[in-house]
Amino acid sequence: MSEVTEEVKQQILEYLKKVKRSVTSRDIAKTLKLDKKIVDKAVNVLVNEGKIEWVSFGGETRVKVPEATE
């Protein structure tokens, strides 16, 4: 599986909405038992679609759902 599917994107979105905090793509991959490369690609697609956003602090890059902390 080397392609980002709508199912993978939906799983990531649901996970982010559930945890209500920023997480790393490694955390997402581990929790959802997905390949990190697929998660990285899906995260990039979701960021480009405006559904999630990057958060960077302490030299670590994370992602979150924009309304999760508003």
C-alpha atoms as a PDB file:
ATOM      1  CA  MET A   1       0.000   0.000   0.000  1.00  0.00           C
ATOM      2  CA  SER A   2       1.883   3.014  -1.233  1.00  0.00           C
ATOM      3  CA  GLU A   3      -1.013   5.297  -2.016  1.00  0.00           C
ATOM      4  CA  VAL A   4      -2.956   7.595   0.269  1.00  0.00           C
ATOM      5  CA  THR A   5      -6.590   6.544   0.359  1.00  0.00           C
ATOM      6  CA  GLU A   6      -9.645   8.420   1.593  1.00  0.00           C
ATOM      7  CA  GLU A   7      -9.946   5.764   4.308  1.00  0.00           C
ATOM      8  CA  VAL A   8      -6.454   6.500   5.639  1.00  0.00           C
ATOM      9  CA  LYS A   9      -7.112  10.249   5.580  1.00  0.00           C
ATOM     10  CA  GLN A  10     -10.399   9.718   7.424  1.00  0.00           C
ATOM     11  CA  GLN A  11      -8.727   7.526  10.067  1.00  0.00           C
ATOM     12  CA  ILE A  12      -6.131  10.230  10.701  1.00  0.00           C
ATOM     13  CA  LEU A  13      -8.756  12.975  10.922  1.00  0.00           C
ATOM     14  CA  GLU A  14     -10.890  10.956  13.341  1.00  0.00           C
ATOM     15  CA  TYR A  15      -7.855  10.193  15.506  1.00  0.00           C
ATOM     16  CA  LEU A  16      -6.817  13.860  15.645  1.00  0.00           C
ATOM     17  CA  LYS A  17     -10.353  14.952  16.538  1.00  0.00           C
ATOM     18  CA  LYS A  18     -10.470  12.320  19.268  1.00  0.00           C
ATOM     19  CA  VAL A  19      -7.148  13.194  20.945  1.00  0.00           C
ATOM     20  CA  LYS A  20      -7.786  16.974  20.749  1.00  0.00           C
ATOM     21  CA  ARG A  21      -4.085  17.834  20.837  1.00  0.00           C
ATOM     22  CA  SER A  22      -1.151  18.024  18.474  1.00  0.00           C
ATOM     23  CA  VAL A  23       0.666  14.769  17.725  1.00  0.00           C
ATOM     24  CA  THR A  24       3.560  13.620  15.567  1.00  0.00           C
ATOM     25  CA  SER A  25       3.080  11.562  12.436  1.00  0.00           C
ATOM     26  CA  ARG A  26       5.034   8.827  14.228  1.00  0.00           C
ATOM     27  CA  ASP A  27       2.393   8.804  17.001  1.00  0.00           C
ATOM     28  CA  ILE A  28      -0.366   8.574  14.396  1.00  0.00           C
ATOM     29  CA  ALA A  29       1.349   5.708  12.561  1.00  0.00           C
ATOM     30  CA  LYS A  30       1.976   3.785  15.773  1.00  0.00           C
ATOM     31  CA  THR A  31      -1.547   4.239  17.143  1.00  0.00           C
ATOM     32  CA  LEU A  32      -3.348   3.461  13.891  1.00  0.00           C
ATOM     33  CA  LYS A  33      -0.873   0.682  12.958  1.00  0.00           C
ATOM     34  CA  LEU A  34      -0.092   2.295   9.611  1.00  0.00           C
ATOM     35  CA  ASP A  35       3.175   2.677   7.723  1.00  0.00           C
ATOM     36  CA  LYS A  36       4.809   5.996   8.667  1.00  0.00           C
ATOM     37  CA  LYS A  37       5.534   6.842   5.017  1.00  0.00           C
ATOM     38  CA  ILE A  38       1.823   6.551   4.213  1.00  0.00           C
ATOM     39  CA  VAL A  39       0.948   8.664   7.252  1.00  0.00           C
ATOM     40  CA  ASP A  40       3.469  11.321   6.194  1.00  0.00           C
ATOM     41  CA  LYS A  41       1.957  11.471   2.709  1.00  0.00           C
ATOM     42  CA  ALA A  42      -1.593  11.570   4.067  1.00  0.00           C
ATOM     43  CA  VAL A  43      -0.685  14.323   6.545  1.00  0.00           C
ATOM     44  CA  ASN A  44       0.765  16.411   3.712  1.00  0.00           C
ATOM     45  CA  VAL A  45      -2.403  15.934   1.667  1.00  0.00           C
ATOM     46  CA  LEU A  46      -4.618  16.848   4.646  1.00  0.00           C
ATOM     47  CA  VAL A  47      -2.534  19.969   5.370  1.00  0.00           C
ATOM     48  CA  ASN A  48      -2.786  21.017   1.708  1.00  0.00           C
ATOM     49  CA  GLU A  49      -6.556  20.483   1.863  1.00  0.00           C
ATOM     50  CA  GLY A  50      -6.704  22.727   4.950  1.00  0.00           C
ATOM     51  CA  LYS A  51      -8.191  20.013   7.163  1.00  0.00           C
ATOM     52  CA  ILE A  52      -5.247  19.896   9.581  1.00  0.00           C
ATOM     53  CA  GLU A  53      -2.320  22.197  10.309  1.00  0.00           C
ATOM     54  CA  TRP A  54       1.348  21.980  11.224  1.00  0.00           C
ATOM     55  CA  VAL A  55       2.466  22.967  14.720  1.00  0.00           C
ATOM     56  CA  SER A  56       6.164  23.300  15.427  1.00  0.00           C
ATOM     57  CA  PHE A  57       7.823  23.793  18.785  1.00  0.00           C
ATOM     58  CA  GLY A  58      10.985  22.588  20.482  1.00  0.00           C
ATOM     59  CA  GLY A  59      12.370  21.332  17.195  1.00  0.00           C
ATOM     60  CA  GLU A  60       9.478  18.919  16.767  1.00  0.00           C
ATOM     61  CA  THR A  61       6.817  19.154  14.091  1.00  0.00           C
ATOM     62  CA  ARG A  62       3.330  17.995  14.937  1.00  0.00           C
ATOM     63  CA  VAL A  63      -0.119  18.202  13.372  1.00  0.00           C
ATOM     64  CA  LYS A  64      -3.530  19.035  14.761  1.00  0.00           C
ATOM     65  CA  VAL A  65      -7.072  19.779  13.711  1.00  0.00           C
ATOM     66  CA  PRO A  66      -7.358  23.611  13.611  1.00  0.00           C
ATOM     67  CA  GLU A  67     -10.433  23.802  15.825  1.00  0.00           C
ATOM     68  CA  ALA A  68      -8.975  21.395  18.401  1.00  0.00           C
ATOM     69  CA  THR A  69      -7.381  24.173  20.451  1.00  0.00           C
ATOM     70  CA  GLU A  70      -9.645  27.114  19.659  1.00  0.00           C
END
